PDB file of N, CA and C in Angstrom:
ATOM      1  N   MET A   1     -14.466 251.484  17.305  1.00  0.00           N
ATOM      2  CA  MET A   1     -15.094 251.470  16.168  1.00  0.00           C
ATOM      3  C   MET A   1     -14.050 251.620  14.802  1.00  0.00           C
ATOM      4  N   PHE A   2     -14.232 250.612  14.404  1.00  0.00           N
ATOM      5  CA  PHE A   2     -13.068 250.711  12.617  1.00  0.00           C
ATOM      6  C   PHE A   2     -13.932 251.539  11.915  1.00  0.00           C
ATOM      7  N   TYR A   3     -15.266 251.266  11.307  1.00  0.00           N
ATOM      8  CA  TYR A   3     -15.915 251.687  10.514  1.00  0.00           C
ATOM      9  C   TYR A   3     -16.969 252.582  11.010  1.00  0.00           C
ATOM     10  N   PRO A   4     -16.994 253.401  11.495  1.00  0.00           N
ATOM     11  CA  PRO A   4     -17.917 254.003  11.930  1.00  0.00           C
ATOM     12  C   PRO A   4     -19.292 254.273  10.949  1.00  0.00           C
ATOM     13  N   ASN A   5     -19.040 254.656   9.625  1.00  0.00           N
ATOM     14  CA  ASN A   5     -19.957 255.136   8.665  1.00  0.00           C
ATOM     15  C   ASN A   5     -20.989 253.369   8.673  1.00  0.00           C
ATOM     16  N   LEU A   6     -20.035 252.448   8.206  1.00  0.00           N
ATOM     17  CA  LEU A   6     -20.600 251.048   7.953  1.00  0.00           C
ATOM     18  C   LEU A   6     -21.620 250.971   9.086  1.00  0.00           C
ATOM     19  N   LEU A   7     -20.890 251.099  10.692  1.00  0.00           N
ATOM     20  CA  LEU A   7     -21.736 251.079  11.622  1.00  0.00           C
ATOM     21  C   LEU A   7     -22.884 251.761  11.639  1.00  0.00           C
ATOM     22  N   ALA A   8     -23.051 252.772  11.758  1.00  0.00           N
ATOM     23  CA  ALA A   8     -24.129 254.015  11.076  1.00  0.00           C
ATOM     24  C   ALA A   8     -25.298 253.463  10.513  1.00  0.00           C
ATOM     25  N   GLU A   9     -24.881 252.886   9.301  1.00  0.00           N
ATOM     26  CA  GLU A   9     -25.519 252.711   8.353  1.00  0.00           C
ATOM     27  C   GLU A   9     -26.513 251.065   8.744  1.00  0.00           C
ATOM     28  N   MET A  10     -25.470 250.218   9.183  1.00  0.00           N
ATOM     29  CA  MET A  10     -26.407 249.419   9.774  1.00  0.00           C
ATOM     30  C   MET A  10     -27.522 249.401  11.174  1.00  0.00           C
ATOM     31  N   ALA A  11     -27.027 250.448  12.240  1.00  0.00           N
ATOM     32  CA  ALA A  11     -27.870 250.426  13.106  1.00  0.00           C
ATOM     33  C   ALA A  11     -29.166 251.184  12.296  1.00  0.00           C
ATOM     34  N   LYS A  12     -29.221 252.191  11.404  1.00  0.00           N
ATOM     35  CA  LYS A  12     -29.979 253.130  10.813  1.00  0.00           C
ATOM     36  C   LYS A  12     -31.145 251.663  10.540  1.00  0.00           C
ATOM     37  N   ARG A  13     -30.559 250.811   9.956  1.00  0.00           N
ATOM     38  CA  ARG A  13     -31.315 249.722   9.424  1.00  0.00           C
ATOM     39  C   ARG A  13     -31.504 248.346  10.047  1.00  0.00           C
ATOM     40  N   LYS A  14     -31.330 248.642  11.735  1.00  0.00           N
ATOM     41  CA  LYS A  14     -31.187 247.404  12.291  1.00  0.00           C
ATOM     42  C   LYS A  14     -30.675 246.179  11.745  1.00  0.00           C
ATOM     43  N   ILE A  15     -29.576 246.743  11.137  1.00  0.00           N
ATOM     44  CA  ILE A  15     -28.907 245.097  10.655  1.00  0.00           C
ATOM     45  C   ILE A  15     -27.516 244.619  11.680  1.00  0.00           C
ATOM     46  N   LYS A  16     -27.468 243.467  11.934  1.00  0.00           N
ATOM     47  CA  LYS A  16     -26.672 242.968  12.674  1.00  0.00           C
ATOM     48  C   LYS A  16     -25.543 242.304  11.969  1.00  0.00           C
ATOM     49  N   GLN A  17     -24.137 242.274  12.941  1.00  0.00           N
ATOM     50  CA  GLN A  17     -23.439 241.504  12.367  1.00  0.00           C
ATOM     51  C   GLN A  17     -23.610 240.332  11.478  1.00  0.00           C
ATOM     52  N   LYS A  18     -24.750 239.362  12.244  1.00  0.00           N
ATOM     53  CA  LYS A  18     -24.487 237.669  11.798  1.00  0.00           C
ATOM     54  C   LYS A  18     -25.743 238.189  10.375  1.00  0.00           C
ATOM     55  N   ASP A  19     -26.130 239.080   9.961  1.00  0.00           N
ATOM     56  CA  ASP A  19     -26.924 239.253   8.614  1.00  0.00           C
ATOM     57  C   ASP A  19     -25.707 239.799   7.778  1.00  0.00           C
ATOM     58  N   ILE A  20     -24.855 240.488   8.277  1.00  0.00           N
ATOM     59  CA  ILE A  20     -23.852 241.071   7.348  1.00  0.00           C
ATOM     60  C   ILE A  20     -22.764 239.164   7.147  1.00  0.00           C
ATOM     61  N   ALA A  21     -22.747 238.848   7.812  1.00  0.00           N
ATOM     62  CA  ALA A  21     -21.893 237.375   7.941  1.00  0.00           C
ATOM     63  C   ALA A  21     -22.676 236.837   6.765  1.00  0.00           C
ATOM     64  N   SER A  22     -24.111 236.541   6.937  1.00  0.00           N
ATOM     65  CA  SER A  22     -24.409 235.909   5.879  1.00  0.00           C
ATOM     66  C   SER A  22     -24.896 236.430   4.185  1.00  0.00           C
ATOM     67  N   VAL A  23     -24.585 237.768   4.442  1.00  0.00           N
ATOM     68  CA  VAL A  23     -24.765 238.169   3.160  1.00  0.00           C
ATOM     69  C   VAL A  23     -23.464 237.599   2.395  1.00  0.00           C
ATOM     70  N   ILE A  24     -22.052 237.986   3.173  1.00  0.00           N
ATOM     71  CA  ILE A  24     -20.691 237.067   2.804  1.00  0.00           C
ATOM     72  C   ILE A  24     -20.661 236.306   3.065  1.00  0.00           C
ATOM     73  N   GLY A  25     -21.374 235.183   3.301  1.00  0.00           N
ATOM     74  CA  GLY A  25     -20.715 234.274   3.373  1.00  0.00           C
ATOM     75  C   GLY A  25     -19.908 233.435   4.336  1.00  0.00           C
ATOM     76  N   LYS A  26     -19.880 234.468   5.481  1.00  0.00           N
ATOM     77  CA  LYS A  26     -18.245 234.090   6.693  1.00  0.00           C
ATOM     78  C   LYS A  26     -19.480 233.981   7.703  1.00  0.00           C
ATOM     79  N   GLU A  27     -18.299 233.585   8.887  1.00  0.00           N
ATOM     80  CA  GLU A  27     -18.913 233.290   9.988  1.00  0.00           C
ATOM     81  C   GLU A  27     -19.020 234.842  10.878  1.00  0.00           C
ATOM     82  N   GLU A  28     -20.063 234.659  11.795  1.00  0.00           N
ATOM     83  CA  GLU A  28     -20.090 235.940  12.770  1.00  0.00           C
ATOM     84  C   GLU A  28     -19.010 236.838  13.317  1.00  0.00           C
ATOM     85  N   GLN A  29     -17.972 234.989  13.313  1.00  0.00           N
ATOM     86  CA  GLN A  29     -16.664 235.739  14.405  1.00  0.00           C
ATOM     87  C   GLN A  29     -15.842 236.637  13.272  1.00  0.00           C
ATOM     88  N   THR A  30     -15.781 235.585  12.258  1.00  0.00           N
ATOM     89  CA  THR A  30     -14.660 236.495  10.868  1.00  0.00           C
ATOM     90  C   THR A  30     -15.341 237.876  11.459  1.00  0.00           C
ATOM     91  N   VAL A  31     -16.321 238.122  10.800  1.00  0.00           N
ATOM     92  CA  VAL A  31     -17.301 239.933  10.510  1.00  0.00           C
ATOM     93  C   VAL A  31     -16.999 239.942  11.764  1.00  0.00           C
ATOM     94  N   SER A  32     -17.011 239.664  12.892  1.00  0.00           N
ATOM     95  CA  SER A  32     -16.238 240.554  14.116  1.00  0.00           C
ATOM     96  C   SER A  32     -15.157 240.890  14.411  1.00  0.00           C
ATOM     97  N   LYS A  33     -14.025 240.118  13.564  1.00  0.00           N
ATOM     98  CA  LYS A  33     -12.634 240.423  13.209  1.00  0.00           C
ATOM     99  C   LYS A  33     -12.559 241.519  12.254  1.00  0.00           C
ATOM    100  N   LYS A  34     -13.091 241.524  10.875  1.00  0.00           N
ATOM    101  CA  LYS A  34     -12.957 242.572   9.924  1.00  0.00           C
ATOM    102  C   LYS A  34     -13.664 244.137  10.685  1.00  0.00           C
ATOM    103  N   MET A  35     -15.159 243.596  11.657  1.00  0.00           N
ATOM    104  CA  MET A  35     -15.458 244.942  11.688  1.00  0.00           C
ATOM    105  C   MET A  35     -14.624 245.843  13.006  1.00  0.00           C
ATOM    106  N   ASN A  36     -13.545 245.090  13.874  1.00  0.00           N
ATOM    107  CA  ASN A  36     -12.612 245.245  14.812  1.00  0.00           C
ATOM    108  C   ASN A  36     -11.022 245.824  14.107  1.00  0.00           C
ATOM    109  N   GLY A  37     -11.119 245.874  12.634  1.00  0.00           N
ATOM    110  CA  GLY A  37     -10.049 245.904  12.365  1.00  0.00           C
ATOM    111  C   GLY A  37      -9.029 244.804  12.448  1.00  0.00           C
ATOM    112  N   SER A  38      -9.332 243.610  12.847  1.00  0.00           N
ATOM    113  CA  SER A  38      -8.235 242.621  13.026  1.00  0.00           C
ATOM    114  C   SER A  38      -8.144 241.857  11.911  1.00  0.00           C
ATOM    115  N   ALA A  39      -8.701 242.323  11.026  1.00  0.00           N
ATOM    116  CA  ALA A  39      -8.777 241.552   9.687  1.00  0.00           C
ATOM    117  C   ALA A  39      -9.612 242.538   8.454  1.00  0.00           C
ATOM    118  N   THR A  40      -9.357 242.034   7.130  1.00  0.00           N
ATOM    119  CA  THR A  40      -9.688 243.163   6.383  1.00  0.00           C
ATOM    120  C   THR A  40     -11.076 242.526   5.367  1.00  0.00           C
ATOM    121  N   PHE A  41     -11.850 243.778   5.016  1.00  0.00           N
ATOM    122  CA  PHE A  41     -12.795 243.151   4.262  1.00  0.00           C
ATOM    123  C   PHE A  41     -12.298 242.703   2.853  1.00  0.00           C
ATOM    124  N   THR A  42     -12.934 241.936   1.918  1.00  0.00           N
ATOM    125  CA  THR A  42     -12.604 242.217   0.507  1.00  0.00           C
ATOM    126  C   THR A  42     -13.132 243.073  -0.315  1.00  0.00           C
ATOM    127  N   LEU A  43     -12.923 243.372  -1.520  1.00  0.00           N
ATOM    128  CA  LEU A  43     -13.417 244.382  -2.437  1.00  0.00           C
ATOM    129  C   LEU A  43     -14.768 244.017  -2.514  1.00  0.00           C
ATOM    130  N   GLU A  44     -14.695 242.513  -3.041  1.00  0.00           N
ATOM    131  CA  GLU A  44     -16.167 242.022  -3.299  1.00  0.00           C
ATOM    132  C   GLU A  44     -17.205 242.087  -1.905  1.00  0.00           C
ATOM    133  N   GLU A  45     -16.467 241.706  -0.844  1.00  0.00           N
ATOM    134  CA  GLU A  45     -17.281 241.473   0.443  1.00  0.00           C
ATOM    135  C   GLU A  45     -17.976 243.254   0.742  1.00  0.00           C
ATOM    136  N   ALA A  46     -17.254 243.863   0.310  1.00  0.00           N
ATOM    137  CA  ALA A  46     -17.277 245.120   0.540  1.00  0.00           C
ATOM    138  C   ALA A  46     -18.571 245.984  -0.292  1.00  0.00           C
ATOM    139  N   LYS A  47     -18.476 245.108  -1.508  1.00  0.00           N
ATOM    140  CA  LYS A  47     -19.213 245.651  -2.386  1.00  0.00           C
ATOM    141  C   LYS A  47     -20.571 244.982  -2.340  1.00  0.00           C
ATOM    142  N   LYS A  48     -20.649 243.783  -1.724  1.00  0.00           N
ATOM    143  CA  LYS A  48     -21.973 242.967  -1.302  1.00  0.00           C
ATOM    144  C   LYS A  48     -22.455 243.360  -0.278  1.00  0.00           C
ATOM    145  N   ILE A  49     -21.687 243.871   0.898  1.00  0.00           N
ATOM    146  CA  ILE A  49     -22.477 244.965   1.751  1.00  0.00           C
ATOM    147  C   ILE A  49     -23.002 246.239   1.388  1.00  0.00           C
ATOM    148  N   CYS A  50     -22.306 246.860   0.183  1.00  0.00           N
ATOM    149  CA  CYS A  50     -22.560 247.941   0.103  1.00  0.00           C
ATOM    150  C   CYS A  50     -24.135 247.868  -0.579  1.00  0.00           C
ATOM    151  N   GLU A  51     -24.622 247.045  -1.127  1.00  0.00           N
ATOM    152  CA  GLU A  51     -25.266 246.640  -2.133  1.00  0.00           C
ATOM    153  C   GLU A  51     -26.533 245.799  -1.235  1.00  0.00           C
ATOM    154  N   TYR A  52     -26.076 245.151  -0.116  1.00  0.00           N
ATOM    155  CA  TYR A  52     -27.331 244.785   0.782  1.00  0.00           C
ATOM    156  C   TYR A  52     -27.942 245.993   1.560  1.00  0.00           C
ATOM    157  N   LEU A  53     -27.079 246.689   1.851  1.00  0.00           N
ATOM    158  CA  LEU A  53     -27.604 248.242   2.768  1.00  0.00           C
ATOM    159  C   LEU A  53     -27.961 249.232   2.055  1.00  0.00           C
ATOM    160  N   GLU A  54     -27.983 249.132   0.616  1.00  0.00           N
ATOM    161  CA  GLU A  54     -29.011 249.980  -0.158  1.00  0.00           C
ATOM    162  C   GLU A  54     -28.505 251.463   0.020  1.00  0.00           C
ATOM    163  N   THR A  55     -27.122 251.692   0.334  1.00  0.00           N
ATOM    164  CA  THR A  55     -27.055 253.095   0.769  1.00  0.00           C
ATOM    165  C   THR A  55     -26.730 254.137  -0.332  1.00  0.00           C
ATOM    166  N   ASP A  56     -26.830 255.600  -0.825  1.00  0.00           N
ATOM    167  CA  ASP A  56     -25.929 255.859  -1.376  1.00  0.00           C
ATOM    168  C   ASP A  56     -25.073 256.835  -1.286  1.00  0.00           C
ATOM    169  N   MET A  57     -24.629 256.293  -0.293  1.00  0.00           N
ATOM    170  CA  MET A  57     -22.775 256.590   0.333  1.00  0.00           C
ATOM    171  C   MET A  57     -21.996 255.713  -0.671  1.00  0.00           C
ATOM    172  N   SER A  58     -20.843 256.186  -0.866  1.00  0.00           N
ATOM    173  CA  SER A  58     -19.847 255.394  -1.729  1.00  0.00           C
ATOM    174  C   SER A  58     -19.417 254.507  -0.933  1.00  0.00           C
ATOM    175  N   ILE A  59     -18.601 253.588  -1.510  1.00  0.00           N
ATOM    176  CA  ILE A  59     -17.791 252.279  -0.827  1.00  0.00           C
ATOM    177  C   ILE A  59     -16.652 252.241  -0.140  1.00  0.00           C
ATOM    178  N   ASN A  60     -16.318 253.845  -0.647  1.00  0.00           N
ATOM    179  CA  ASN A  60     -14.947 254.461   0.168  1.00  0.00           C
ATOM    180  C   ASN A  60     -15.290 255.068   1.726  1.00  0.00           C
ATOM    181  N   ASP A  61     -16.632 255.907   1.096  1.00  0.00           N
ATOM    182  CA  ASP A  61     -17.046 256.314   2.422  1.00  0.00           C
ATOM    183  C   ASP A  61     -17.608 255.508   3.348  1.00  0.00           C
ATOM    184  N   LEU A  62     -18.567 254.308   2.918  1.00  0.00           N
ATOM    185  CA  LEU A  62     -18.840 253.599   4.009  1.00  0.00           C
ATOM    186  C   LEU A  62     -17.589 252.823   4.609  1.00  0.00           C
ATOM    187  N   PHE A  63     -16.368 252.537   4.036  1.00  0.00           N
ATOM    188  CA  PHE A  63     -15.681 251.939   4.721  1.00  0.00           C
ATOM    189  C   PHE A  63     -14.639 252.571   4.948  1.00  0.00           C
ATOM    190  N   MET A  64     -14.787 253.925   5.120  1.00  0.00           N
ATOM    191  CA  MET A  64     -13.733 254.400   5.698  1.00  0.00           C
ATOM    192  C   MET A  64     -13.434 254.319   7.437  1.00  0.00           C
ATOM    193  N   GLN A  65     -12.008 254.208   7.191  1.00  0.00           N
ATOM    194  CA  GLN A  65     -11.797 253.992   9.054  1.00  0.00           C
ATOM    195  C   GLN A  65     -11.845 255.154   9.938  1.00  0.00           C
ATOM    196  N   SER A  66     -12.154 254.599  11.010  1.00  0.00           N
ATOM    197  CA  SER A  66     -11.571 255.451  12.018  1.00  0.00           C
ATOM    198  C   SER A  66     -10.312 255.801  11.998  1.00  0.00           C
ATOM    199  N   GLU A  67     -10.112 257.166  12.807  1.00  0.00           N
ATOM    200  CA  GLU A  67      -8.489 257.360  13.206  1.00  0.00           C
ATOM    201  C   GLU A  67      -8.392 256.826  14.386  1.00  0.00           C
ATOM    202  N   SER A  68      -9.051 256.165  15.388  1.00  0.00           N
ATOM    203  CA  SER A  68      -8.608 255.330  16.534  1.00  0.00           C
ATOM    204  C   SER A  68      -8.463 253.626  16.230  1.00  0.00           C
TER     205      SER A  68
END
């Protein structure tokens, strides 16, 4: 789990990776790579996701990476 806070917020809202892919205009496979740390989210993508999730969490906290 590379982005535990992002995944937790998605789970709370029952949002799937395919929903995030739609929001940022990428393929679901690309989002999967970004979620597992094989690729990185751009700042613009992170902003769109943060807005879509309607969370009070800061973008830095939302995209905080796990230690493992």
